[in-house]
Protein backbone atom coordinates (compact mmCIF):
# COMPACT_ATOMS: atom_id res chain seq x y z
CA UNK A 1 0.00 0.00 0.00
CA UNK A 2 1.19 3.49 -0.80
CA UNK A 3 1.16 6.31 1.74
CA UNK A 4 -1.84 7.83 -0.02
CA UNK A 5 -3.74 4.54 0.08
CA UNK A 6 -3.00 4.20 3.79
CA UNK A 7 -4.31 7.73 4.37
CA UNK A 8 -7.43 6.97 2.32
CA UNK A 9 -8.08 3.73 4.23
CA UNK A 10 -7.61 5.54 7.56
CA UNK A 11 -10.10 8.23 6.53
CA UNK A 12 -12.66 5.60 5.49
CA UNK A 13 -12.14 3.65 8.71
CA UNK A 14 -12.79 6.79 10.76
CA UNK A 15 -16.05 7.31 8.85
CA UNK A 16 -16.99 3.63 9.38
CA UNK A 17 -16.49 4.08 13.14
CA UNK A 18 -18.59 7.26 13.27
CA UNK A 19 -21.30 5.76 11.05
CA UNK A 20 -21.52 2.61 13.17
CA UNK A 21 -21.71 4.61 16.40
CA UNK A 22 -24.48 6.74 14.87
CA UNK A 23 -26.50 3.62 13.97
CA UNK A 24 -28.33 3.85 17.29
CA UNK A 25 -29.62 7.28 16.22
CA UNK A 26 -30.84 6.28 12.74
CA UNK A 27 -34.13 4.65 13.75
CA UNK A 28 -37.29 5.49 11.84
CA UNK A 29 -40.63 3.95 12.78
CA UNK A 30 -39.03 0.78 14.13
CA UNK A 31 -36.51 0.47 11.29
CA UNK A 32 -32.83 0.96 12.00
CA UNK A 33 -30.25 1.93 9.40
CA UNK A 34 -26.69 0.56 9.41
CA UNK A 35 -24.79 3.28 7.52
CA UNK A 36 -21.39 1.76 8.35
CA UNK A 37 -22.09 -1.12 5.94
CA UNK A 38 -22.63 1.28 3.04
CA UNK A 39 -19.36 3.06 3.93
CA UNK A 40 -17.19 -0.04 4.07
CA UNK A 41 -18.77 -1.39 0.88
CA UNK A 42 -17.91 1.93 -0.80
CA UNK A 43 -14.34 1.58 0.52
CA UNK A 44 -14.15 -1.97 -0.86
CA UNK A 45 -15.51 -0.85 -4.24
CA UNK A 46 -12.96 1.95 -4.49
CA UNK A 47 -9.88 0.29 -2.99
CA UNK A 48 -10.49 -3.45 -3.35
CA UNK A 49 -9.60 -3.82 -7.04
CA UNK A 50 -6.09 -2.39 -6.60
CA UNK A 51 -5.12 -3.74 -3.16
CA UNK A 52 -3.43 -7.05 -2.40
CA UNK A 53 -5.02 -9.55 -0.04
CA UNK A 54 -2.72 -8.68 2.88
CA UNK A 55 -3.95 -5.07 3.12
CA UNK A 56 -7.54 -6.15 2.44
CA UNK A 57 -7.48 -8.62 5.35
CA UNK A 58 -5.84 -5.96 7.57
CA UNK A 59 -8.53 -3.43 6.70
CA UNK A 60 -11.21 -6.08 7.26
CA UNK A 61 -9.85 -6.75 10.75
CA UNK A 62 -9.82 -3.00 11.46
CA UNK A 63 -13.43 -2.71 10.24
CA UNK A 64 -14.44 -5.54 12.57
CA UNK A 65 -12.66 -4.09 15.60
CA UNK A 66 -13.92 -0.53 15.02
CA UNK A 67 -17.53 -1.65 14.61
CA UNK A 68 -17.19 -3.76 17.76
CA UNK A 69 -15.96 -0.75 19.74
CA UNK A 70 -18.65 1.56 18.31
CA UNK A 71 -21.60 -0.81 18.64
CA UNK A 72 -24.59 -0.70 20.94
CA UNK A 73 -25.45 -4.34 20.17
CA UNK A 74 -25.90 -6.85 23.02
CA UNK A 75 -22.92 -8.99 21.90
CA UNK A 76 -20.21 -6.66 20.54
CA UNK A 77 -17.79 -9.43 19.46
CA UNK A 78 -20.24 -10.45 16.71
CA UNK A 79 -19.19 -7.34 14.80
CA UNK A 80 -15.68 -8.67 14.12
CA UNK A 81 -16.67 -11.66 11.97
CA UNK A 82 -19.82 -9.98 10.62
CA UNK A 83 -18.29 -6.77 9.34
CA UNK A 84 -14.67 -7.84 8.97
CA UNK A 85 -15.50 -10.82 6.75
CA UNK A 86 -18.12 -8.79 4.90
CA UNK A 87 -15.55 -6.14 3.97
CA UNK A 88 -13.24 -8.87 2.65
CA UNK A 89 -16.11 -10.42 0.67
CA UNK A 90 -17.06 -7.00 -0.73
CA UNK A 91 -13.46 -6.42 -1.84
CA UNK A 92 -13.46 -9.85 -3.51
CA UNK A 93 -16.65 -8.97 -5.43
CA UNK A 94 -15.12 -5.61 -6.40
CA UNK A 95 -12.01 -7.38 -7.76
CA UNK A 96 -14.23 -9.63 -9.87
CA UNK A 97 -16.17 -6.64 -11.21
CA UNK A 98 -13.04 -4.59 -11.99
CA UNK A 99 -10.13 -6.99 -12.73
CA UNK A 100 -8.09 -4.23 -14.39
CA UNK A 101 -9.14 -1.38 -12.08
CA UNK A 102 -11.80 -0.12 -14.48
CA UNK A 103 -14.89 1.65 -13.23
CA UNK A 104 -17.48 -0.70 -11.72
CA UNK A 105 -20.96 -0.65 -13.26
CA UNK A 106 -24.12 0.19 -11.34
CA UNK A 107 -25.44 -3.38 -11.58
CA UNK A 108 -22.28 -4.78 -9.98
CA UNK A 109 -22.40 -2.13 -7.24
CA UNK A 110 -26.01 -2.99 -6.39
CA UNK A 111 -25.21 -6.72 -6.44
CA UNK A 112 -22.26 -6.11 -4.09
CA UNK A 113 -24.40 -4.08 -1.67
CA UNK A 114 -27.16 -6.70 -1.64
CA UNK A 115 -24.87 -9.68 -1.08
CA UNK A 116 -22.90 -7.91 1.65
CA UNK A 117 -26.01 -6.80 3.54
CA UNK A 118 -27.31 -10.36 3.50
CA UNK A 119 -23.93 -11.76 4.55
CA UNK A 120 -23.20 -9.20 7.27
CA UNK A 121 -26.63 -9.53 8.88
CA UNK A 122 -26.54 -13.34 8.74
CA UNK A 123 -23.07 -13.48 10.33
CA UNK A 124 -23.99 -10.87 12.93
CA UNK A 125 -27.24 -12.67 13.80
CA UNK A 126 -25.49 -16.04 14.04
CA UNK A 127 -22.59 -14.91 16.23
CA UNK A 128 -24.88 -12.82 18.45
CA UNK A 129 -27.16 -15.83 18.89
CA UNK A 130 -24.25 -18.13 19.72
CA UNK A 131 -22.78 -15.58 22.12
CA UNK A 132 -26.06 -15.06 23.98
CA UNK A 133 -27.54 -18.56 23.67
CA UNK A 134 -27.35 -19.19 27.41
CA UNK A 135 -28.97 -15.85 28.35
CA UNK A 136 -32.62 -14.67 28.40
CA UNK A 137 -31.95 -13.12 24.96
CA UNK A 138 -32.44 -16.54 23.32
CA UNK A 139 -35.95 -16.82 24.77
CA UNK A 140 -37.21 -13.48 23.43
CA UNK A 141 -40.31 -13.22 21.29
CA UNK A 142 -39.37 -11.15 18.22
CA UNK A 143 -41.84 -8.69 16.68
CA UNK A 144 -41.50 -5.65 14.44
CA UNK A 145 -43.86 -3.47 12.36
CA UNK A 146 -46.84 -5.27 13.88
CA UNK A 147 -45.55 -8.68 12.75
CA UNK A 148 -44.71 -11.37 15.27
CA UNK A 149 -41.90 -13.72 14.24
CA UNK A 150 -42.02 -15.91 17.34
CA UNK A 151 -38.87 -17.06 19.12
CA UNK A 152 -35.71 -18.86 18.13
CA UNK A 153 -32.84 -18.08 15.77
CA UNK A 154 -34.91 -17.81 12.56
CA UNK A 155 -37.28 -15.36 14.26
CA UNK A 156 -34.29 -13.29 15.44
CA UNK A 157 -32.79 -13.37 11.91
CA UNK A 158 -36.08 -12.21 10.32
CA UNK A 159 -36.56 -9.53 12.99
CA UNK A 160 -33.21 -7.93 12.09
CA UNK A 161 -33.32 -8.62 8.37
CA UNK A 162 -36.65 -6.83 7.97
CA UNK A 163 -35.84 -4.06 10.44
CA UNK A 164 -32.17 -3.38 9.60
CA UNK A 165 -30.95 -5.06 6.40
CA UNK A 166 -33.85 -4.14 4.11
CA UNK A 167 -34.04 -0.43 5.15
CA UNK A 168 -30.25 -0.18 4.86
CA UNK A 169 -30.34 -1.77 1.40
CA UNK A 170 -32.97 0.72 0.19
CA UNK A 171 -30.79 3.66 1.24
CA UNK A 172 -27.49 2.09 0.14
CA UNK A 173 -28.77 1.07 -3.30
CA UNK A 174 -29.41 4.77 -3.98
CA UNK A 175 -26.42 6.36 -2.28
CA UNK A 176 -23.58 3.90 -2.91
CA UNK A 177 -23.57 4.15 -6.74
CA UNK A 178 -23.89 7.95 -6.51
CA UNK A 179 -21.02 8.26 -4.03
CA UNK A 180 -18.87 5.83 -6.02
CA UNK A 181 -19.37 7.79 -9.24
CA UNK A 182 -18.76 11.12 -7.47
CA UNK A 183 -15.68 10.12 -5.43
CA UNK A 184 -13.74 7.75 -7.71
CA UNK A 185 -12.71 10.27 -10.43
CA UNK A 186 -11.36 12.68 -7.81
CA UNK A 187 -9.36 9.93 -6.07
CA UNK A 188 -7.92 8.77 -9.41
CA UNK A 189 -6.88 12.35 -10.26
CA UNK A 190 -5.16 12.72 -6.88
CA UNK A 191 -3.26 9.44 -7.37
CA UNK A 192 -4.99 7.70 -4.47
CA UNK A 193 -6.55 5.10 -6.79
CA UNK A 194 -5.31 3.43 -9.95
CA UNK A 195 -7.27 3.89 -13.15
CA UNK A 196 -7.94 1.15 -15.71
CA UNK A 197 -4.83 -0.62 -16.89
C-alpha atoms as a PDB file:
ATOM      1  CA  UNK A   1       0.000   0.000   0.000  1.00  0.00           C
ATOM      2  CA  UNK A   2       1.186   3.492  -0.804  1.00  0.00           C
ATOM      3  CA  UNK A   3       1.156   6.307   1.742  1.00  0.00           C
ATOM      4  CA  UNK A   4      -1.845   7.827  -0.024  1.00  0.00           C
ATOM      5  CA  UNK A   5      -3.745   4.537   0.076  1.00  0.00           C
ATOM      6  CA  UNK A   6      -3.004   4.199   3.792  1.00  0.00           C
ATOM      7  CA  UNK A   7      -4.311   7.734   4.370  1.00  0.00           C
ATOM      8  CA  UNK A   8      -7.430   6.975   2.322  1.00  0.00           C
ATOM      9  CA  UNK A   9      -8.077   3.731   4.228  1.00  0.00           C
ATOM     10  CA  UNK A  10      -7.608   5.543   7.562  1.00  0.00           C
ATOM     11  CA  UNK A  11     -10.104   8.233   6.532  1.00  0.00           C
ATOM     12  CA  UNK A  12     -12.659   5.602   5.485  1.00  0.00           C
ATOM     13  CA  UNK A  13     -12.143   3.652   8.713  1.00  0.00           C
ATOM     14  CA  UNK A  14     -12.788   6.795  10.760  1.00  0.00           C
ATOM     15  CA  UNK A  15     -16.047   7.305   8.854  1.00  0.00           C
ATOM     16  CA  UNK A  16     -16.994   3.629   9.380  1.00  0.00           C
ATOM     17  CA  UNK A  17     -16.493   4.084  13.139  1.00  0.00           C
ATOM     18  CA  UNK A  18     -18.589   7.265  13.274  1.00  0.00           C
ATOM     19  CA  UNK A  19     -21.300   5.762  11.054  1.00  0.00           C
ATOM     20  CA  UNK A  20     -21.521   2.611  13.166  1.00  0.00           C
ATOM     21  CA  UNK A  21     -21.708   4.613  16.401  1.00  0.00           C
ATOM     22  CA  UNK A  22     -24.484   6.738  14.875  1.00  0.00           C
ATOM     23  CA  UNK A  23     -26.501   3.623  13.971  1.00  0.00           C
ATOM     24  CA  UNK A  24     -28.328   3.850  17.293  1.00  0.00           C
ATOM     25  CA  UNK A  25     -29.621   7.280  16.219  1.00  0.00           C
ATOM     26  CA  UNK A  26     -30.843   6.276  12.737  1.00  0.00           C
ATOM     27  CA  UNK A  27     -34.132   4.651  13.750  1.00  0.00           C
ATOM     28  CA  UNK A  28     -37.288   5.488  11.839  1.00  0.00           C
ATOM     29  CA  UNK A  29     -40.630   3.945  12.784  1.00  0.00           C
ATOM     30  CA  UNK A  30     -39.035   0.781  14.135  1.00  0.00           C
ATOM     31  CA  UNK A  31     -36.509   0.471  11.286  1.00  0.00           C
ATOM     32  CA  UNK A  32     -32.829   0.957  11.999  1.00  0.00           C
ATOM     33  CA  UNK A  33     -30.248   1.933   9.403  1.00  0.00           C
ATOM     34  CA  UNK A  34     -26.691   0.558   9.412  1.00  0.00           C
ATOM     35  CA  UNK A  35     -24.792   3.281   7.521  1.00  0.00           C
ATOM     36  CA  UNK A  36     -21.385   1.764   8.354  1.00  0.00           C
ATOM     37  CA  UNK A  37     -22.093  -1.119   5.945  1.00  0.00           C
ATOM     38  CA  UNK A  38     -22.627   1.277   3.036  1.00  0.00           C
ATOM     39  CA  UNK A  39     -19.365   3.056   3.927  1.00  0.00           C
ATOM     40  CA  UNK A  40     -17.190  -0.039   4.068  1.00  0.00           C
ATOM     41  CA  UNK A  41     -18.774  -1.387   0.879  1.00  0.00           C
ATOM     42  CA  UNK A  42     -17.911   1.930  -0.796  1.00  0.00           C
ATOM     43  CA  UNK A  43     -14.342   1.580   0.522  1.00  0.00           C
ATOM     44  CA  UNK A  44     -14.154  -1.973  -0.857  1.00  0.00           C
ATOM     45  CA  UNK A  45     -15.507  -0.849  -4.243  1.00  0.00           C
ATOM     46  CA  UNK A  46     -12.962   1.946  -4.486  1.00  0.00           C
ATOM     47  CA  UNK A  47      -9.881   0.288  -2.991  1.00  0.00           C
ATOM     48  CA  UNK A  48     -10.490  -3.453  -3.352  1.00  0.00           C
ATOM     49  CA  UNK A  49      -9.602  -3.823  -7.041  1.00  0.00           C
ATOM     50  CA  UNK A  50      -6.091  -2.390  -6.599  1.00  0.00           C
ATOM     51  CA  UNK A  51      -5.116  -3.742  -3.156  1.00  0.00           C
ATOM     52  CA  UNK A  52      -3.429  -7.047  -2.397  1.00  0.00           C
ATOM     53  CA  UNK A  53      -5.022  -9.554  -0.043  1.00  0.00           C
ATOM     54  CA  UNK A  54      -2.722  -8.679   2.883  1.00  0.00           C
ATOM     55  CA  UNK A  55      -3.949  -5.067   3.121  1.00  0.00           C
ATOM     56  CA  UNK A  56      -7.541  -6.150   2.442  1.00  0.00           C
ATOM     57  CA  UNK A  57      -7.476  -8.622   5.348  1.00  0.00           C
ATOM     58  CA  UNK A  58      -5.844  -5.964   7.569  1.00  0.00           C
ATOM     59  CA  UNK A  59      -8.533  -3.426   6.700  1.00  0.00           C
ATOM     60  CA  UNK A  60     -11.209  -6.076   7.262  1.00  0.00           C
ATOM     61  CA  UNK A  61      -9.848  -6.750  10.747  1.00  0.00           C
ATOM     62  CA  UNK A  62      -9.817  -3.003  11.459  1.00  0.00           C
ATOM     63  CA  UNK A  63     -13.433  -2.706  10.240  1.00  0.00           C
ATOM     64  CA  UNK A  64     -14.438  -5.539  12.571  1.00  0.00           C
ATOM     65  CA  UNK A  65     -12.663  -4.088  15.599  1.00  0.00           C
ATOM     66  CA  UNK A  66     -13.921  -0.532  15.015  1.00  0.00           C
ATOM     67  CA  UNK A  67     -17.530  -1.648  14.605  1.00  0.00           C
ATOM     68  CA  UNK A  68     -17.188  -3.755  17.758  1.00  0.00           C
ATOM     69  CA  UNK A  69     -15.962  -0.751  19.742  1.00  0.00           C
ATOM     70  CA  UNK A  70     -18.649   1.557  18.314  1.00  0.00           C
ATOM     71  CA  UNK A  71     -21.601  -0.808  18.639  1.00  0.00           C
ATOM     72  CA  UNK A  72     -24.593  -0.700  20.936  1.00  0.00           C
ATOM     73  CA  UNK A  73     -25.446  -4.345  20.172  1.00  0.00           C
ATOM     74  CA  UNK A  74     -25.898  -6.854  23.018  1.00  0.00           C
ATOM     75  CA  UNK A  75     -22.924  -8.994  21.899  1.00  0.00           C
ATOM     76  CA  UNK A  76     -20.212  -6.659  20.536  1.00  0.00           C
ATOM     77  CA  UNK A  77     -17.795  -9.427  19.460  1.00  0.00           C
ATOM     78  CA  UNK A  78     -20.242 -10.453  16.710  1.00  0.00           C
ATOM     79  CA  UNK A  79     -19.185  -7.336  14.798  1.00  0.00           C
ATOM     80  CA  UNK A  80     -15.676  -8.671  14.120  1.00  0.00           C
ATOM     81  CA  UNK A  81     -16.673 -11.660  11.967  1.00  0.00           C
ATOM     82  CA  UNK A  82     -19.823  -9.985  10.620  1.00  0.00           C
ATOM     83  CA  UNK A  83     -18.288  -6.767   9.340  1.00  0.00           C
ATOM     84  CA  UNK A  84     -14.665  -7.837   8.970  1.00  0.00           C
ATOM     85  CA  UNK A  85     -15.501 -10.819   6.755  1.00  0.00           C
ATOM     86  CA  UNK A  86     -18.125  -8.792   4.902  1.00  0.00           C
ATOM     87  CA  UNK A  87     -15.552  -6.140   3.970  1.00  0.00           C
ATOM     88  CA  UNK A  88     -13.239  -8.870   2.648  1.00  0.00           C
ATOM     89  CA  UNK A  89     -16.109 -10.422   0.667  1.00  0.00           C
ATOM     90  CA  UNK A  90     -17.058  -7.004  -0.726  1.00  0.00           C
ATOM     91  CA  UNK A  91     -13.455  -6.420  -1.841  1.00  0.00           C
ATOM     92  CA  UNK A  92     -13.462  -9.854  -3.515  1.00  0.00           C
ATOM     93  CA  UNK A  93     -16.647  -8.970  -5.433  1.00  0.00           C
ATOM     94  CA  UNK A  94     -15.116  -5.608  -6.397  1.00  0.00           C
ATOM     95  CA  UNK A  95     -12.014  -7.379  -7.756  1.00  0.00           C
ATOM     96  CA  UNK A  96     -14.231  -9.629  -9.874  1.00  0.00           C
ATOM     97  CA  UNK A  97     -16.171  -6.637 -11.210  1.00  0.00           C
ATOM     98  CA  UNK A  98     -13.037  -4.589 -11.987  1.00  0.00           C
ATOM     99  CA  UNK A  99     -10.130  -6.990 -12.729  1.00  0.00           C
ATOM    100  CA  UNK A 100      -8.089  -4.228 -14.387  1.00  0.00           C
ATOM    101  CA  UNK A 101      -9.145  -1.376 -12.077  1.00  0.00           C
ATOM    102  CA  UNK A 102     -11.796  -0.124 -14.480  1.00  0.00           C
ATOM    103  CA  UNK A 103     -14.889   1.650 -13.228  1.00  0.00           C
ATOM    104  CA  UNK A 104     -17.481  -0.704 -11.717  1.00  0.00           C
ATOM    105  CA  UNK A 105     -20.957  -0.646 -13.258  1.00  0.00           C
ATOM    106  CA  UNK A 106     -24.115   0.192 -11.342  1.00  0.00           C
ATOM    107  CA  UNK A 107     -25.443  -3.382 -11.584  1.00  0.00           C
ATOM    108  CA  UNK A 108     -22.275  -4.782  -9.977  1.00  0.00           C
ATOM    109  CA  UNK A 109     -22.403  -2.130  -7.243  1.00  0.00           C
ATOM    110  CA  UNK A 110     -26.013  -2.985  -6.389  1.00  0.00           C
ATOM    111  CA  UNK A 111     -25.212  -6.716  -6.442  1.00  0.00           C
ATOM    112  CA  UNK A 112     -22.258  -6.111  -4.089  1.00  0.00           C
ATOM    113  CA  UNK A 113     -24.400  -4.080  -1.672  1.00  0.00           C
ATOM    114  CA  UNK A 114     -27.159  -6.700  -1.639  1.00  0.00           C
ATOM    115  CA  UNK A 115     -24.869  -9.684  -1.084  1.00  0.00           C
ATOM    116  CA  UNK A 116     -22.899  -7.913   1.647  1.00  0.00           C
ATOM    117  CA  UNK A 117     -26.006  -6.799   3.539  1.00  0.00           C
ATOM    118  CA  UNK A 118     -27.313 -10.362   3.495  1.00  0.00           C
ATOM    119  CA  UNK A 119     -23.927 -11.761   4.549  1.00  0.00           C
ATOM    120  CA  UNK A 120     -23.198  -9.198   7.271  1.00  0.00           C
ATOM    121  CA  UNK A 121     -26.632  -9.527   8.884  1.00  0.00           C
ATOM    122  CA  UNK A 122     -26.536 -13.340   8.744  1.00  0.00           C
ATOM    123  CA  UNK A 123     -23.066 -13.481  10.331  1.00  0.00           C
ATOM    124  CA  UNK A 124     -23.992 -10.871  12.925  1.00  0.00           C
ATOM    125  CA  UNK A 125     -27.242 -12.669  13.797  1.00  0.00           C
ATOM    126  CA  UNK A 126     -25.488 -16.044  14.036  1.00  0.00           C
ATOM    127  CA  UNK A 127     -22.587 -14.909  16.235  1.00  0.00           C
ATOM    128  CA  UNK A 128     -24.876 -12.821  18.453  1.00  0.00           C
ATOM    129  CA  UNK A 129     -27.164 -15.829  18.885  1.00  0.00           C
ATOM    130  CA  UNK A 130     -24.249 -18.129  19.717  1.00  0.00           C
ATOM    131  CA  UNK A 131     -22.782 -15.580  22.123  1.00  0.00           C
ATOM    132  CA  UNK A 132     -26.058 -15.059  23.976  1.00  0.00           C
ATOM    133  CA  UNK A 133     -27.542 -18.565  23.670  1.00  0.00           C
ATOM    134  CA  UNK A 134     -27.349 -19.188  27.414  1.00  0.00           C
ATOM    135  CA  UNK A 135     -28.971 -15.852  28.349  1.00  0.00           C
ATOM    136  CA  UNK A 136     -32.617 -14.672  28.400  1.00  0.00           C
ATOM    137  CA  UNK A 137     -31.949 -13.116  24.956  1.00  0.00           C
ATOM    138  CA  UNK A 138     -32.440 -16.541  23.320  1.00  0.00           C
ATOM    139  CA  UNK A 139     -35.953 -16.818  24.773  1.00  0.00           C
ATOM    140  CA  UNK A 140     -37.205 -13.475  23.431  1.00  0.00           C
ATOM    141  CA  UNK A 141     -40.310 -13.215  21.288  1.00  0.00           C
ATOM    142  CA  UNK A 142     -39.371 -11.152  18.219  1.00  0.00           C
ATOM    143  CA  UNK A 143     -41.839  -8.687  16.680  1.00  0.00           C
ATOM    144  CA  UNK A 144     -41.502  -5.647  14.436  1.00  0.00           C
ATOM    145  CA  UNK A 145     -43.864  -3.471  12.361  1.00  0.00           C
ATOM    146  CA  UNK A 146     -46.845  -5.272  13.879  1.00  0.00           C
ATOM    147  CA  UNK A 147     -45.554  -8.675  12.746  1.00  0.00           C
ATOM    148  CA  UNK A 148     -44.710 -11.368  15.271  1.00  0.00           C
ATOM    149  CA  UNK A 149     -41.904 -13.724  14.235  1.00  0.00           C
ATOM    150  CA  UNK A 150     -42.019 -15.910  17.338  1.00  0.00           C
ATOM    151  CA  UNK A 151     -38.873 -17.056  19.120  1.00  0.00           C
ATOM    152  CA  UNK A 152     -35.706 -18.858  18.135  1.00  0.00           C
ATOM    153  CA  UNK A 153     -32.843 -18.084  15.768  1.00  0.00           C
ATOM    154  CA  UNK A 154     -34.913 -17.814  12.562  1.00  0.00           C
ATOM    155  CA  UNK A 155     -37.283 -15.357  14.262  1.00  0.00           C
ATOM    156  CA  UNK A 156     -34.294 -13.293  15.442  1.00  0.00           C
ATOM    157  CA  UNK A 157     -32.795 -13.365  11.915  1.00  0.00           C
ATOM    158  CA  UNK A 158     -36.078 -12.215  10.322  1.00  0.00           C
ATOM    159  CA  UNK A 159     -36.557  -9.527  12.985  1.00  0.00           C
ATOM    160  CA  UNK A 160     -33.209  -7.935  12.093  1.00  0.00           C
ATOM    161  CA  UNK A 161     -33.321  -8.618   8.373  1.00  0.00           C
ATOM    162  CA  UNK A 162     -36.649  -6.830   7.971  1.00  0.00           C
ATOM    163  CA  UNK A 163     -35.836  -4.059  10.436  1.00  0.00           C
ATOM    164  CA  UNK A 164     -32.166  -3.381   9.598  1.00  0.00           C
ATOM    165  CA  UNK A 165     -30.947  -5.059   6.400  1.00  0.00           C
ATOM    166  CA  UNK A 166     -33.853  -4.136   4.114  1.00  0.00           C
ATOM    167  CA  UNK A 167     -34.044  -0.427   5.146  1.00  0.00           C
ATOM    168  CA  UNK A 168     -30.249  -0.177   4.860  1.00  0.00           C
ATOM    169  CA  UNK A 169     -30.345  -1.775   1.400  1.00  0.00           C
ATOM    170  CA  UNK A 170     -32.974   0.723   0.192  1.00  0.00           C
ATOM    171  CA  UNK A 171     -30.793   3.661   1.240  1.00  0.00           C
ATOM    172  CA  UNK A 172     -27.490   2.085   0.141  1.00  0.00           C
ATOM    173  CA  UNK A 173     -28.771   1.074  -3.297  1.00  0.00           C
ATOM    174  CA  UNK A 174     -29.412   4.769  -3.985  1.00  0.00           C
ATOM    175  CA  UNK A 175     -26.423   6.363  -2.278  1.00  0.00           C
ATOM    176  CA  UNK A 176     -23.578   3.897  -2.907  1.00  0.00           C
ATOM    177  CA  UNK A 177     -23.565   4.151  -6.742  1.00  0.00           C
ATOM    178  CA  UNK A 178     -23.893   7.953  -6.515  1.00  0.00           C
ATOM    179  CA  UNK A 179     -21.025   8.257  -4.029  1.00  0.00           C
ATOM    180  CA  UNK A 180     -18.865   5.828  -6.018  1.00  0.00           C
ATOM    181  CA  UNK A 181     -19.367   7.789  -9.243  1.00  0.00           C
ATOM    182  CA  UNK A 182     -18.755  11.115  -7.468  1.00  0.00           C
ATOM    183  CA  UNK A 183     -15.684  10.124  -5.429  1.00  0.00           C
ATOM    184  CA  UNK A 184     -13.741   7.746  -7.715  1.00  0.00           C
ATOM    185  CA  UNK A 185     -12.706  10.266 -10.429  1.00  0.00           C
ATOM    186  CA  UNK A 186     -11.358  12.683  -7.813  1.00  0.00           C
ATOM    187  CA  UNK A 187      -9.363   9.932  -6.067  1.00  0.00           C
ATOM    188  CA  UNK A 188      -7.920   8.767  -9.405  1.00  0.00           C
ATOM    189  CA  UNK A 189      -6.880  12.349 -10.255  1.00  0.00           C
ATOM    190  CA  UNK A 190      -5.158  12.716  -6.883  1.00  0.00           C
ATOM    191  CA  UNK A 191      -3.261   9.441  -7.369  1.00  0.00           C
ATOM    192  CA  UNK A 192      -4.989   7.702  -4.467  1.00  0.00           C
ATOM    193  CA  UNK A 193      -6.553   5.099  -6.790  1.00  0.00           C
ATOM    194  CA  UNK A 194      -5.310   3.430  -9.950  1.00  0.00           C
ATOM    195  CA  UNK A 195      -7.272   3.890 -13.155  1.00  0.00           C
ATOM    196  CA  UNK A 196      -7.944   1.153 -15.708  1.00  0.00           C
ATOM    197  CA  UNK A 197      -4.825  -0.616 -16.893  1.00  0.00           C
END
